[in-house]
Amino acid sequence: MKDELKPIRSEADYERSLAEVERLWGAKSGTPEGDRLDVLATLIDAWEAQHYPMDSPNPIEAIKFRMEQQGLTRKDLEPMIGTRTRVGKPFDSSS
């Protein structure tokens, strides 16, 4: 097993932690390797939340993104949401 676990305090610590997680990936839960993986994942999550925060997506933009991924159009929403006027302007392909 590698060194004792320490907080992630720098980008280099973060990179080392990511590399170790990759090495430990798939370790069985309840084993020393699995426990180390769990702790490293928690440390990495805390580091990323502080240094790489992500804003929540705009709901309309999230739907449009998913529609684009699946090759859907506004017309494809009509059976679920209603007529073209109800689906509304935010889903126009021109916006």
PDB file of N, CA and C in Angstrom:
ATOM      1  N   MET A   1       0.854  -1.173   0.000  1.00  0.00           N
ATOM      2  CA  MET A   1       0.000   0.000   0.000  1.00  0.00           C
ATOM      3  C   MET A   1       0.898   1.233   0.000  1.00  0.00           C
ATOM      4  N   LYS A   2       0.423   2.283  -0.633  1.00  0.00           N
ATOM      5  CA  LYS A   2       1.197   3.522  -0.709  1.00  0.00           C
ATOM      6  C   LYS A   2       1.233   4.236   0.626  1.00  0.00           C
ATOM      7  N   ASP A   3       1.752   5.458   0.617  1.00  0.00           N
ATOM      8  CA  ASP A   3       1.867   6.286   1.815  1.00  0.00           C
ATOM      9  C   ASP A   3       0.531   6.463   2.519  1.00  0.00           C
ATOM     10  N   GLU A   4       0.636   7.027   3.712  1.00  0.00           N
ATOM     11  CA  GLU A   4      -0.590   7.330   4.452  1.00  0.00           C
ATOM     12  C   GLU A   4      -1.340   8.435   3.718  1.00  0.00           C
ATOM     13  N   LEU A   5      -2.654   8.431   3.830  1.00  0.00           N
ATOM     14  CA  LEU A   5      -3.476   9.429   3.145  1.00  0.00           C
ATOM     15  C   LEU A   5      -3.300  10.794   3.779  1.00  0.00           C
ATOM     16  N   LYS A   6      -3.244  11.808   2.931  1.00  0.00           N
ATOM     17  CA  LYS A   6      -3.110  13.198   3.378  1.00  0.00           C
ATOM     18  C   LYS A   6      -4.090  14.046   2.597  1.00  0.00           C
ATOM     19  N   PRO A   7      -4.432  15.206   3.130  1.00  0.00           N
ATOM     20  CA  PRO A   7      -5.322  16.100   2.381  1.00  0.00           C
ATOM     21  C   PRO A   7      -4.709  16.495   1.040  1.00  0.00           C
ATOM     22  N   ILE A   8      -5.567  16.808   0.083  1.00  0.00           N
ATOM     23  CA  ILE A   8      -5.106  17.315  -1.211  1.00  0.00           C
ATOM     24  C   ILE A   8      -4.933  18.822  -1.050  1.00  0.00           C
ATOM     25  N   ARG A   9      -3.700  19.293  -1.182  1.00  0.00           N
ATOM     26  CA  ARG A   9      -3.408  20.712  -0.958  1.00  0.00           C
ATOM     27  C   ARG A   9      -2.868  21.423  -2.188  1.00  0.00           C
ATOM     28  N   SER A  10      -2.603  20.667  -3.245  1.00  0.00           N
ATOM     29  CA  SER A  10      -2.038  21.287  -4.446  1.00  0.00           C
ATOM     30  C   SER A  10      -2.520  20.524  -5.673  1.00  0.00           C
ATOM     31  N   GLU A  11      -2.278  21.124  -6.818  1.00  0.00           N
ATOM     32  CA  GLU A  11      -2.638  20.469  -8.076  1.00  0.00           C
ATOM     33  C   GLU A  11      -1.854  19.158  -8.239  1.00  0.00           C
ATOM     34  N   ALA A  12      -0.597  19.154  -7.786  1.00  0.00           N
ATOM     35  CA  ALA A  12       0.217  17.932  -7.866  1.00  0.00           C
ATOM     36  C   ALA A  12      -0.374  16.831  -6.988  1.00  0.00           C
ATOM     37  N   ASP A  13      -0.825  17.186  -5.774  1.00  0.00           N
ATOM     38  CA  ASP A  13      -1.489  16.209  -4.899  1.00  0.00           C
ATOM     39  C   ASP A  13      -2.736  15.658  -5.573  1.00  0.00           C
ATOM     40  N   TYR A  14      -3.489  16.554  -6.204  1.00  0.00           N
ATOM     41  CA  TYR A  14      -4.717  16.172  -6.894  1.00  0.00           C
ATOM     42  C   TYR A  14      -4.408  15.181  -8.019  1.00  0.00           C
ATOM     43  N   GLU A  15      -3.414  15.480  -8.834  1.00  0.00           N
ATOM     44  CA  GLU A  15      -3.030  14.593  -9.940  1.00  0.00           C
ATOM     45  C   GLU A  15      -2.574  13.225  -9.428  1.00  0.00           C
ATOM     46  N   ARG A  16      -1.790  13.212  -8.352  1.00  0.00           N
ATOM     47  CA  ARG A  16      -1.342  11.942  -7.760  1.00  0.00           C
ATOM     48  C   ARG A  16      -2.533  11.129  -7.258  1.00  0.00           C
ATOM     49  N   SER A  17      -3.490  11.828  -6.645  1.00  0.00           N
ATOM     50  CA  SER A  17      -4.682  11.147  -6.131  1.00  0.00           C
ATOM     51  C   SER A  17      -5.501  10.539  -7.266  1.00  0.00           C
ATOM     52  N   LEU A  18      -5.652  11.281  -8.373  1.00  0.00           N
ATOM     53  CA  LEU A  18      -6.373  10.746  -9.527  1.00  0.00           C
ATOM     54  C   LEU A  18      -5.689   9.498 -10.075  1.00  0.00           C
ATOM     55  N   ALA A  19      -4.368   9.534 -10.144  1.00  0.00           N
ATOM     56  CA  ALA A  19      -3.614   8.377 -10.649  1.00  0.00           C
ATOM     57  C   ALA A  19      -3.792   7.175  -9.728  1.00  0.00           C
ATOM     58  N   GLU A  20      -3.816   7.428  -8.428  1.00  0.00           N
ATOM     59  CA  GLU A  20      -3.986   6.307  -7.506  1.00  0.00           C
ATOM     60  C   GLU A  20      -5.406   5.739  -7.578  1.00  0.00           C
ATOM     61  N   VAL A  21      -6.394   6.614  -7.751  1.00  0.00           N
ATOM     62  CA  VAL A  21      -7.770   6.140  -7.913  1.00  0.00           C
ATOM     63  C   VAL A  21      -7.860   5.248  -9.150  1.00  0.00           C
ATOM     64  N   GLU A  22      -7.208   5.653 -10.206  1.00  0.00           N
ATOM     65  CA  GLU A  22      -7.211   4.840 -11.429  1.00  0.00           C
ATOM     66  C   GLU A  22      -6.610   3.464 -11.160  1.00  0.00           C
ATOM     67  N   ARG A  23      -5.535   3.443 -10.400  1.00  0.00           N
ATOM     68  CA  ARG A  23      -4.883   2.178 -10.060  1.00  0.00           C
ATOM     69  C   ARG A  23      -5.786   1.310  -9.182  1.00  0.00           C
ATOM     70  N   LEU A  24      -6.528   1.941  -8.273  1.00  0.00           N
ATOM     71  CA  LEU A  24      -7.366   1.206  -7.327  1.00  0.00           C
ATOM     72  C   LEU A  24      -8.767   0.903  -7.864  1.00  0.00           C
ATOM     73  N   TRP A  25      -9.115   1.474  -9.011  1.00  0.00           N
ATOM     74  CA  TRP A  25     -10.471   1.332  -9.535  1.00  0.00           C
ATOM     75  C   TRP A  25     -10.886  -0.134  -9.590  1.00  0.00           C
ATOM     76  N   GLY A  26     -12.050  -0.424  -9.075  1.00  0.00           N
ATOM     77  CA  GLY A  26     -12.556  -1.786  -9.077  1.00  0.00           C
ATOM     78  C   GLY A  26     -12.188  -2.574  -7.834  1.00  0.00           C
ATOM     79  N   ALA A  27     -11.476  -1.928  -6.895  1.00  0.00           N
ATOM     80  CA  ALA A  27     -11.117  -2.627  -5.661  1.00  0.00           C
ATOM     81  C   ALA A  27     -12.389  -3.026  -4.913  1.00  0.00           C
ATOM     82  N   LYS A  28     -12.372  -4.174  -4.319  1.00  0.00           N
ATOM     83  CA  LYS A  28     -13.529  -4.708  -3.617  1.00  0.00           C
ATOM     84  C   LYS A  28     -13.806  -3.898  -2.343  1.00  0.00           C
ATOM     85  N   SER A  29     -15.086  -3.556  -2.158  1.00  0.00           N
ATOM     86  CA  SER A  29     -15.511  -2.818  -0.973  1.00  0.00           C
ATOM     87  C   SER A  29     -15.186  -3.626   0.287  1.00  0.00           C
ATOM     88  N   GLY A  30     -14.736  -2.924   1.322  1.00  0.00           N
ATOM     89  CA  GLY A  30     -14.417  -3.587   2.579  1.00  0.00           C
ATOM     90  C   GLY A  30     -12.988  -4.093   2.679  1.00  0.00           C
ATOM     91  N   THR A  31     -12.238  -3.988   1.586  1.00  0.00           N
ATOM     92  CA  THR A  31     -10.821  -4.367   1.622  1.00  0.00           C
ATOM     93  C   THR A  31     -10.011  -3.099   1.898  1.00  0.00           C
ATOM     94  N   PRO A  32      -8.757  -3.241   2.288  1.00  0.00           N
ATOM     95  CA  PRO A  32      -7.937  -2.041   2.486  1.00  0.00           C
ATOM     96  C   PRO A  32      -7.865  -1.178   1.218  1.00  0.00           C
ATOM     97  N   GLU A  33      -7.771  -1.826   0.057  1.00  0.00           N
ATOM     98  CA  GLU A  33      -7.730  -1.073  -1.203  1.00  0.00           C
ATOM     99  C   GLU A  33      -9.058  -0.373  -1.470  1.00  0.00           C
ATOM    100  N   GLY A  34     -10.159  -1.056  -1.198  1.00  0.00           N
ATOM    101  CA  GLY A  34     -11.482  -0.466  -1.374  1.00  0.00           C
ATOM    102  C   GLY A  34     -11.703   0.713  -0.441  1.00  0.00           C
ATOM    103  N   ASP A  35     -11.252   0.568   0.807  1.00  0.00           N
ATOM    104  CA  ASP A  35     -11.370   1.671   1.765  1.00  0.00           C
ATOM    105  C   ASP A  35     -10.539   2.869   1.315  1.00  0.00           C
ATOM    106  N   ARG A  36      -9.342   2.597   0.840  1.00  0.00           N
ATOM    107  CA  ARG A  36      -8.474   3.686   0.362  1.00  0.00           C
ATOM    108  C   ARG A  36      -9.120   4.387  -0.840  1.00  0.00           C
ATOM    109  N   LEU A  37      -9.699   3.622  -1.735  1.00  0.00           N
ATOM    110  CA  LEU A  37     -10.391   4.192  -2.886  1.00  0.00           C
ATOM    111  C   LEU A  37     -11.535   5.101  -2.425  1.00  0.00           C
ATOM    112  N   ASP A  38     -12.329   4.655  -1.457  1.00  0.00           N
ATOM    113  CA  ASP A  38     -13.434   5.472  -0.944  1.00  0.00           C
ATOM    114  C   ASP A  38     -12.939   6.794  -0.360  1.00  0.00           C
ATOM    115  N   VAL A  39     -11.881   6.728   0.428  1.00  0.00           N
ATOM    116  CA  VAL A  39     -11.348   7.945   1.057  1.00  0.00           C
ATOM    117  C   VAL A  39     -10.769   8.877  -0.004  1.00  0.00           C
ATOM    118  N   LEU A  40     -10.025   8.338  -0.951  1.00  0.00           N
ATOM    119  CA  LEU A  40      -9.471   9.172  -2.025  1.00  0.00           C
ATOM    120  C   LEU A  40     -10.571   9.833  -2.845  1.00  0.00           C
ATOM    121  N   ALA A  41     -11.630   9.091  -3.139  1.00  0.00           N
ATOM    122  CA  ALA A  41     -12.750   9.654  -3.904  1.00  0.00           C
ATOM    123  C   ALA A  41     -13.379  10.824  -3.150  1.00  0.00           C
ATOM    124  N   THR A  42     -13.501  10.699  -1.846  1.00  0.00           N
ATOM    125  CA  THR A  42     -14.057  11.784  -1.027  1.00  0.00           C
ATOM    126  C   THR A  42     -13.143  13.003  -1.039  1.00  0.00           C
ATOM    127  N   LEU A  43     -11.847  12.778  -0.910  1.00  0.00           N
ATOM    128  CA  LEU A  43     -10.884  13.883  -0.941  1.00  0.00           C
ATOM    129  C   LEU A  43     -10.903  14.580  -2.306  1.00  0.00           C
ATOM    130  N   ILE A  44     -10.936  13.810  -3.368  1.00  0.00           N
ATOM    131  CA  ILE A  44     -10.971  14.372  -4.719  1.00  0.00           C
ATOM    132  C   ILE A  44     -12.251  15.166  -4.938  1.00  0.00           C
ATOM    133  N   ASP A  45     -13.366  14.625  -4.483  1.00  0.00           N
ATOM    134  CA  ASP A  45     -14.644  15.324  -4.625  1.00  0.00           C
ATOM    135  C   ASP A  45     -14.598  16.682  -3.923  1.00  0.00           C
ATOM    136  N   ALA A  46     -14.048  16.725  -2.727  1.00  0.00           N
ATOM    137  CA  ALA A  46     -13.947  17.990  -1.981  1.00  0.00           C
ATOM    138  C   ALA A  46     -13.034  18.973  -2.714  1.00  0.00           C
ATOM    139  N   TRP A  47     -11.909  18.503  -3.238  1.00  0.00           N
ATOM    140  CA  TRP A  47     -10.981  19.364  -3.971  1.00  0.00           C
ATOM    141  C   TRP A  47     -11.653  19.940  -5.217  1.00  0.00           C
ATOM    142  N   GLU A  48     -12.322  19.076  -5.966  1.00  0.00           N
ATOM    143  CA  GLU A  48     -12.972  19.532  -7.199  1.00  0.00           C
ATOM    144  C   GLU A  48     -14.100  20.519  -6.915  1.00  0.00           C
ATOM    145  N   ALA A  49     -14.860  20.287  -5.856  1.00  0.00           N
ATOM    146  CA  ALA A  49     -15.944  21.204  -5.510  1.00  0.00           C
ATOM    147  C   ALA A  49     -15.401  22.590  -5.186  1.00  0.00           C
ATOM    148  N   GLN A  50     -14.237  22.640  -4.566  1.00  0.00           N
ATOM    149  CA  GLN A  50     -13.635  23.928  -4.199  1.00  0.00           C
ATOM    150  C   GLN A  50     -12.910  24.584  -5.367  1.00  0.00           C
ATOM    151  N   HIS A  51     -12.207  23.810  -6.167  1.00  0.00           N
ATOM    152  CA  HIS A  51     -11.361  24.378  -7.218  1.00  0.00           C
ATOM    153  C   HIS A  51     -11.960  24.365  -8.614  1.00  0.00           C
ATOM    154  N   TYR A  52     -12.943  23.517  -8.846  1.00  0.00           N
ATOM    155  CA  TYR A  52     -13.587  23.429 -10.151  1.00  0.00           C
ATOM    156  C   TYR A  52     -15.112  23.394  -9.998  1.00  0.00           C
ATOM    157  N   PRO A  53     -15.679  24.401  -9.341  1.00  0.00           N
ATOM    158  CA  PRO A  53     -17.134  24.363  -9.119  1.00  0.00           C
ATOM    159  C   PRO A  53     -17.888  24.419 -10.444  1.00  0.00           C
ATOM    160  N   MET A  54     -19.019  23.750 -10.461  1.00  0.00           N
ATOM    161  CA  MET A  54     -19.858  23.741 -11.663  1.00  0.00           C
ATOM    162  C   MET A  54     -21.224  24.316 -11.312  1.00  0.00           C
ATOM    163  N   ASP A  55     -21.673  25.257 -12.127  1.00  0.00           N
ATOM    164  CA  ASP A  55     -23.005  25.799 -11.953  1.00  0.00           C
ATOM    165  C   ASP A  55     -24.023  24.778 -12.420  1.00  0.00           C
ATOM    166  N   SER A  56     -25.198  24.839 -11.810  1.00  0.00           N
ATOM    167  CA  SER A  56     -26.292  23.983 -12.269  1.00  0.00           C
ATOM    168  C   SER A  56     -26.709  24.447 -13.653  1.00  0.00           C
ATOM    169  N   PRO A  57     -27.076  23.519 -14.523  1.00  0.00           N
ATOM    170  CA  PRO A  57     -27.469  23.925 -15.870  1.00  0.00           C
ATOM    171  C   PRO A  57     -28.835  24.612 -15.864  1.00  0.00           C
ATOM    172  N   ASN A  58     -29.022  25.490 -16.822  1.00  0.00           N
ATOM    173  CA  ASN A  58     -30.329  26.088 -17.063  1.00  0.00           C
ATOM    174  C   ASN A  58     -31.220  24.947 -17.544  1.00  0.00           C
ATOM    175  N   PRO A  59     -32.413  24.771 -16.966  1.00  0.00           N
ATOM    176  CA  PRO A  59     -33.249  23.618 -17.333  1.00  0.00           C
ATOM    177  C   PRO A  59     -33.560  23.540 -18.833  1.00  0.00           C
ATOM    178  N   ILE A  60     -33.875  24.671 -19.459  1.00  0.00           N
ATOM    179  CA  ILE A  60     -34.188  24.659 -20.890  1.00  0.00           C
ATOM    180  C   ILE A  60     -32.956  24.249 -21.694  1.00  0.00           C
ATOM    181  N   GLU A  61     -31.803  24.803 -21.336  1.00  0.00           N
ATOM    182  CA  GLU A  61     -30.572  24.459 -22.045  1.00  0.00           C
ATOM    183  C   GLU A  61     -30.222  22.984 -21.854  1.00  0.00           C
ATOM    184  N   ALA A  62     -30.487  22.443 -20.668  1.00  0.00           N
ATOM    185  CA  ALA A  62     -30.219  21.024 -20.419  1.00  0.00           C
ATOM    186  C   ALA A  62     -31.109  20.150 -21.308  1.00  0.00           C
ATOM    187  N   ILE A  63     -32.369  20.513 -21.429  1.00  0.00           N
ATOM    188  CA  ILE A  63     -33.292  19.751 -22.280  1.00  0.00           C
ATOM    189  C   ILE A  63     -32.868  19.859 -23.741  1.00  0.00           C
ATOM    190  N   LYS A  64     -32.525  21.074 -24.169  1.00  0.00           N
ATOM    191  CA  LYS A  64     -32.097  21.260 -25.560  1.00  0.00           C
ATOM    192  C   LYS A  64     -30.835  20.456 -25.863  1.00  0.00           C
ATOM    193  N   PHE A  65     -29.898  20.437 -24.913  1.00  0.00           N
ATOM    194  CA  PHE A  65     -28.665  19.667 -25.085  1.00  0.00           C
ATOM    195  C   PHE A  65     -28.978  18.185 -25.255  1.00  0.00           C
ATOM    196  N   ARG A  66     -29.848  17.657 -24.389  1.00  0.00           N
ATOM    197  CA  ARG A  66     -30.204  16.237 -24.467  1.00  0.00           C
ATOM    198  C   ARG A  66     -30.934  15.928 -25.770  1.00  0.00           C
ATOM    199  N   MET A  67     -31.811  16.841 -26.191  1.00  0.00           N
ATOM    200  CA  MET A  67     -32.521  16.654 -27.454  1.00  0.00           C
ATOM    201  C   MET A  67     -31.533  16.601 -28.616  1.00  0.00           C
ATOM    202  N   GLU A  68     -30.545  17.488 -28.580  1.00  0.00           N
ATOM    203  CA  GLU A  68     -29.529  17.511 -29.639  1.00  0.00           C
ATOM    204  C   GLU A  68     -28.752  16.201 -29.656  1.00  0.00           C
ATOM    205  N   GLN A  69     -28.395  15.699 -28.475  1.00  0.00           N
ATOM    206  CA  GLN A  69     -27.674  14.429 -28.388  1.00  0.00           C
ATOM    207  C   GLN A  69     -28.458  13.289 -29.022  1.00  0.00           C
ATOM    208  N   GLN A  70     -29.786  13.332 -28.864  1.00  0.00           N
ATOM    209  CA  GLN A  70     -30.613  12.246 -29.360  1.00  0.00           C
ATOM    210  C   GLN A  70     -31.203  12.531 -30.741  1.00  0.00           C
ATOM    211  N   GLY A  71     -30.845  13.679 -31.324  1.00  0.00           N
ATOM    212  CA  GLY A  71     -31.338  14.016 -32.650  1.00  0.00           C
ATOM    213  C   GLY A  71     -32.827  14.335 -32.678  1.00  0.00           C
ATOM    214  N   LEU A  72     -33.346  14.867 -31.568  1.00  0.00           N
ATOM    215  CA  LEU A  72     -34.763  15.196 -31.471  1.00  0.00           C
ATOM    216  C   LEU A  72     -35.020  16.649 -31.856  1.00  0.00           C
ATOM    217  N   THR A  73     -36.248  16.925 -32.280  1.00  0.00           N
ATOM    218  CA  THR A  73     -36.660  18.293 -32.602  1.00  0.00           C
ATOM    219  C   THR A  73     -37.796  18.699 -31.664  1.00  0.00           C
ATOM    220  N   ARG A  74     -38.179  19.967 -31.768  1.00  0.00           N
ATOM    221  CA  ARG A  74     -39.279  20.467 -30.962  1.00  0.00           C
ATOM    222  C   ARG A  74     -40.543  19.659 -31.238  1.00  0.00           C
ATOM    223  N   LYS A  75     -40.729  19.284 -32.459  1.00  0.00           N
ATOM    224  CA  LYS A  75     -41.905  18.497 -32.858  1.00  0.00           C
ATOM    225  C   LYS A  75     -41.961  17.185 -32.066  1.00  0.00           C
ATOM    226  N   ASP A  76     -40.808  16.615 -31.741  1.00  0.00           N
ATOM    227  CA  ASP A  76     -40.764  15.368 -30.982  1.00  0.00           C
ATOM    228  C   ASP A  76     -41.295  15.532 -29.556  1.00  0.00           C
ATOM    229  N   LEU A  77     -41.343  16.758 -29.044  1.00  0.00           N
ATOM    230  CA  LEU A  77     -41.860  17.005 -27.695  1.00  0.00           C
ATOM    231  C   LEU A  77     -43.379  17.085 -27.643  1.00  0.00           C
ATOM    232  N   GLU A  78     -43.985  17.347 -28.771  1.00  0.00           N
ATOM    233  CA  GLU A  78     -45.434  17.577 -28.795  1.00  0.00           C
ATOM    234  C   GLU A  78     -46.247  16.451 -28.164  1.00  0.00           C
ATOM    235  N   PRO A  79     -45.939  15.161 -28.391  1.00  0.00           N
ATOM    236  CA  PRO A  79     -46.742  14.118 -27.739  1.00  0.00           C
ATOM    237  C   PRO A  79     -46.646  14.158 -26.205  1.00  0.00           C
ATOM    238  N   MET A  80     -45.543  14.671 -25.672  1.00  0.00           N
ATOM    239  CA  MET A  80     -45.354  14.701 -24.225  1.00  0.00           C
ATOM    240  C   MET A  80     -45.829  16.005 -23.590  1.00  0.00           C
ATOM    241  N   ILE A  81     -45.627  17.123 -24.283  1.00  0.00           N
ATOM    242  CA  ILE A  81     -45.908  18.436 -23.702  1.00  0.00           C
ATOM    243  C   ILE A  81     -47.175  19.061 -24.273  1.00  0.00           C
ATOM    244  N   GLY A  82     -47.438  18.805 -25.514  1.00  0.00           N
ATOM    245  CA  GLY A  82     -48.626  19.381 -26.134  1.00  0.00           C
ATOM    246  C   GLY A  82     -48.294  19.989 -27.479  1.00  0.00           C
ATOM    247  N   THR A  83     -49.224  20.798 -27.963  1.00  0.00           N
ATOM    248  CA  THR A  83     -49.093  21.369 -29.296  1.00  0.00           C
ATOM    249  C   THR A  83     -47.880  22.266 -29.424  1.00  0.00           C
ATOM    250  N   ARG A  84     -47.604  22.602 -30.658  1.00  0.00           N
ATOM    251  CA  ARG A  84     -46.456  23.437 -31.002  1.00  0.00           C
ATOM    252  C   ARG A  84     -46.440  24.749 -30.210  1.00  0.00           C
ATOM    253  N   THR A  85     -47.613  25.371 -30.034  1.00  0.00           N
ATOM    254  CA  THR A  85     -47.664  26.632 -29.286  1.00  0.00           C
ATOM    255  C   THR A  85     -47.375  26.409 -27.813  1.00  0.00           C
ATOM    256  N   ARG A  86     -47.735  25.253 -27.290  1.00  0.00           N
ATOM    257  CA  ARG A  86     -47.464  24.957 -25.881  1.00  0.00           C
ATOM    258  C   ARG A  86     -45.987  24.645 -25.646  1.00  0.00           C
ATOM    259  N   VAL A  87     -45.355  23.956 -26.591  1.00  0.00           N
ATOM    260  CA  VAL A  87     -43.929  23.655 -26.477  1.00  0.00           C
ATOM    261  C   VAL A  87     -43.157  24.964 -26.400  1.00  0.00           C
ATOM    262  N   GLY A  88     -43.547  25.927 -27.222  1.00  0.00           N
ATOM    263  CA  GLY A  88     -43.044  27.281 -27.051  1.00  0.00           C
ATOM    264  C   GLY A  88     -41.726  27.611 -27.692  1.00  0.00           C
ATOM    265  N   LYS A  89     -41.463  28.896 -27.659  1.00  0.00           N
ATOM    266  CA  LYS A  89     -40.312  29.526 -28.294  1.00  0.00           C
ATOM    267  C   LYS A  89     -38.964  29.003 -27.778  1.00  0.00           C
ATOM    268  N   PRO A  90     -38.776  28.732 -26.470  1.00  0.00           N
ATOM    269  CA  PRO A  90     -37.443  28.325 -26.017  1.00  0.00           C
ATOM    270  C   PRO A  90     -36.891  27.115 -26.746  1.00  0.00           C
ATOM    271  N   PHE A  91     -37.768  26.321 -27.366  1.00  0.00           N
ATOM    272  CA  PHE A  91     -37.312  25.108 -28.026  1.00  0.00           C
ATOM    273  C   PHE A  91     -37.162  25.280 -29.536  1.00  0.00           C
ATOM    274  N   ASP A  92     -37.411  26.467 -30.046  1.00  0.00           N
ATOM    275  CA  ASP A  92     -37.187  26.693 -31.475  1.00  0.00           C
ATOM    276  C   ASP A  92     -35.728  26.439 -31.792  1.00  0.00           C
ATOM    277  N   SER A  93     -35.468  25.817 -32.913  1.00  0.00           N
ATOM    278  CA  SER A  93     -34.077  25.544 -33.294  1.00  0.00           C
ATOM    279  C   SER A  93     -33.300  26.817 -33.583  1.00  0.00           C
ATOM    280  N   SER A  94     -34.000  27.925 -33.807  1.00  0.00           N
ATOM    281  CA  SER A  94     -33.321  29.192 -34.102  1.00  0.00           C
ATOM    282  C   SER A  94     -32.876  29.908 -32.843  1.00  0.00           C
ATOM    283  N   SER A  95     -33.326  29.485 -31.678  1.00  0.00           N
ATOM    284  CA  SER A  95     -32.937  30.196 -30.441  1.00  0.00           C
ATOM    285  C   SER A  95     -31.768  29.565 -29.762  1.00  0.00           C
TER     286      SER A  95
END
